[in-house]
Amino acid sequence: MFLARVLIGRTCIGNSSMKVPPEGFDTTTNGGHIFVIYHDAGAYGEYLIT
């Protein structure tokens, strides 16, 4: 399991057909529990928990 730091920026509600977030947004969410980032550089694996 990884503990990661994730930069979410501006977020909007998304759906399963989105390939990229709308203009002006960085990530999409389902309303608070799941966030989808679209650029690998937006997440940093900080710790590996064993």
C-alpha atoms as a PDB file:
ATOM      1  CA  MET A   1       0.000   0.000   0.000  1.00  0.00           C
ATOM      2  CA  PHE A   2       1.237   3.486  -0.821  1.00  0.00           C
ATOM      3  CA  LEU A   3       0.605   6.703   1.058  1.00  0.00           C
ATOM      4  CA  ALA A   4       0.576   9.429  -1.569  1.00  0.00           C
ATOM      5  CA  ARG A   5       0.348  13.183  -1.736  1.00  0.00           C
ATOM      6  CA  VAL A   6      -1.974  14.285  -4.505  1.00  0.00           C
ATOM      7  CA  LEU A   7      -2.431  17.792  -5.864  1.00  0.00           C
ATOM      8  CA  ILE A   8      -6.077  18.138  -6.891  1.00  0.00           C
ATOM      9  CA  GLY A   9      -6.305  21.821  -7.905  1.00  0.00           C
ATOM     10  CA  ARG A  10      -9.717  22.975  -9.183  1.00  0.00           C
ATOM     11  CA  THR A  11     -12.257  20.150  -9.086  1.00  0.00           C
ATOM     12  CA  CYS A  12     -15.593  19.554 -10.799  1.00  0.00           C
ATOM     13  CA  ILE A  13     -18.118  16.705 -10.802  1.00  0.00           C
ATOM     14  CA  GLY A  14     -17.147  14.199 -13.478  1.00  0.00           C
ATOM     15  CA  ASN A  15     -18.604  11.162 -15.210  1.00  0.00           C
ATOM     16  CA  SER A  16     -17.239   7.922 -16.650  1.00  0.00           C
ATOM     17  CA  SER A  17     -17.134   9.209 -20.239  1.00  0.00           C
ATOM     18  CA  MET A  18     -14.687  12.064 -19.513  1.00  0.00           C
ATOM     19  CA  LYS A  19     -11.207  11.694 -21.012  1.00  0.00           C
ATOM     20  CA  VAL A  20      -9.963  15.058 -19.684  1.00  0.00           C
ATOM     21  CA  PRO A  21     -11.466  17.547 -17.241  1.00  0.00           C
ATOM     22  CA  PRO A  22     -13.372  20.558 -18.612  1.00  0.00           C
ATOM     23  CA  GLU A  23     -11.399  23.714 -19.401  1.00  0.00           C
ATOM     24  CA  GLY A  24     -10.326  25.497 -16.225  1.00  0.00           C
ATOM     25  CA  PHE A  25     -10.379  22.353 -14.036  1.00  0.00           C
ATOM     26  CA  ASP A  26      -7.569  20.007 -13.008  1.00  0.00           C
ATOM     27  CA  THR A  27      -9.426  17.009 -11.550  1.00  0.00           C
ATOM     28  CA  THR A  28     -12.874  15.461 -11.388  1.00  0.00           C
ATOM     29  CA  THR A  29     -14.708  13.930  -8.441  1.00  0.00           C
ATOM     30  CA  ASN A  30     -17.795  11.892  -7.676  1.00  0.00           C
ATOM     31  CA  GLY A  31     -18.772  14.333  -4.955  1.00  0.00           C
ATOM     32  CA  GLY A  32     -16.114  13.901  -2.312  1.00  0.00           C
ATOM     33  CA  HIS A  33     -14.836  10.320  -1.994  1.00  0.00           C
ATOM     34  CA  ILE A  34     -13.132   9.661  -5.331  1.00  0.00           C
ATOM     35  CA  PHE A  35     -10.867  12.133  -7.121  1.00  0.00           C
ATOM     36  CA  VAL A  36      -9.479  11.532 -10.626  1.00  0.00           C
ATOM     37  CA  ILE A  37      -6.260  13.256 -11.645  1.00  0.00           C
ATOM     38  CA  TYR A  38      -5.302  13.415 -15.314  1.00  0.00           C
ATOM     39  CA  HIS A  39      -1.539  14.043 -15.075  1.00  0.00           C
ATOM     40  CA  ASP A  40       0.975  11.652 -13.513  1.00  0.00           C
ATOM     41  CA  ALA A  41       2.958  14.572 -12.096  1.00  0.00           C
ATOM     42  CA  GLY A  42      -0.002  15.411  -9.836  1.00  0.00           C
ATOM     43  CA  ALA A  43       0.695  12.493  -7.468  1.00  0.00           C
ATOM     44  CA  TYR A  44       3.753  11.625  -5.417  1.00  0.00           C
ATOM     45  CA  GLY A  45       4.151   8.247  -3.705  1.00  0.00           C
ATOM     46  CA  GLU A  46       5.511   9.350  -0.347  1.00  0.00           C
ATOM     47  CA  TYR A  47       5.638   6.104   1.674  1.00  0.00           C
ATOM     48  CA  LEU A  48       5.452   2.377   0.955  1.00  0.00           C
ATOM     49  CA  ILE A  49       3.593   0.722   3.831  1.00  0.00           C
ATOM     50  CA  THR A  50       4.427  -2.950   4.339  1.00  0.00           C
END
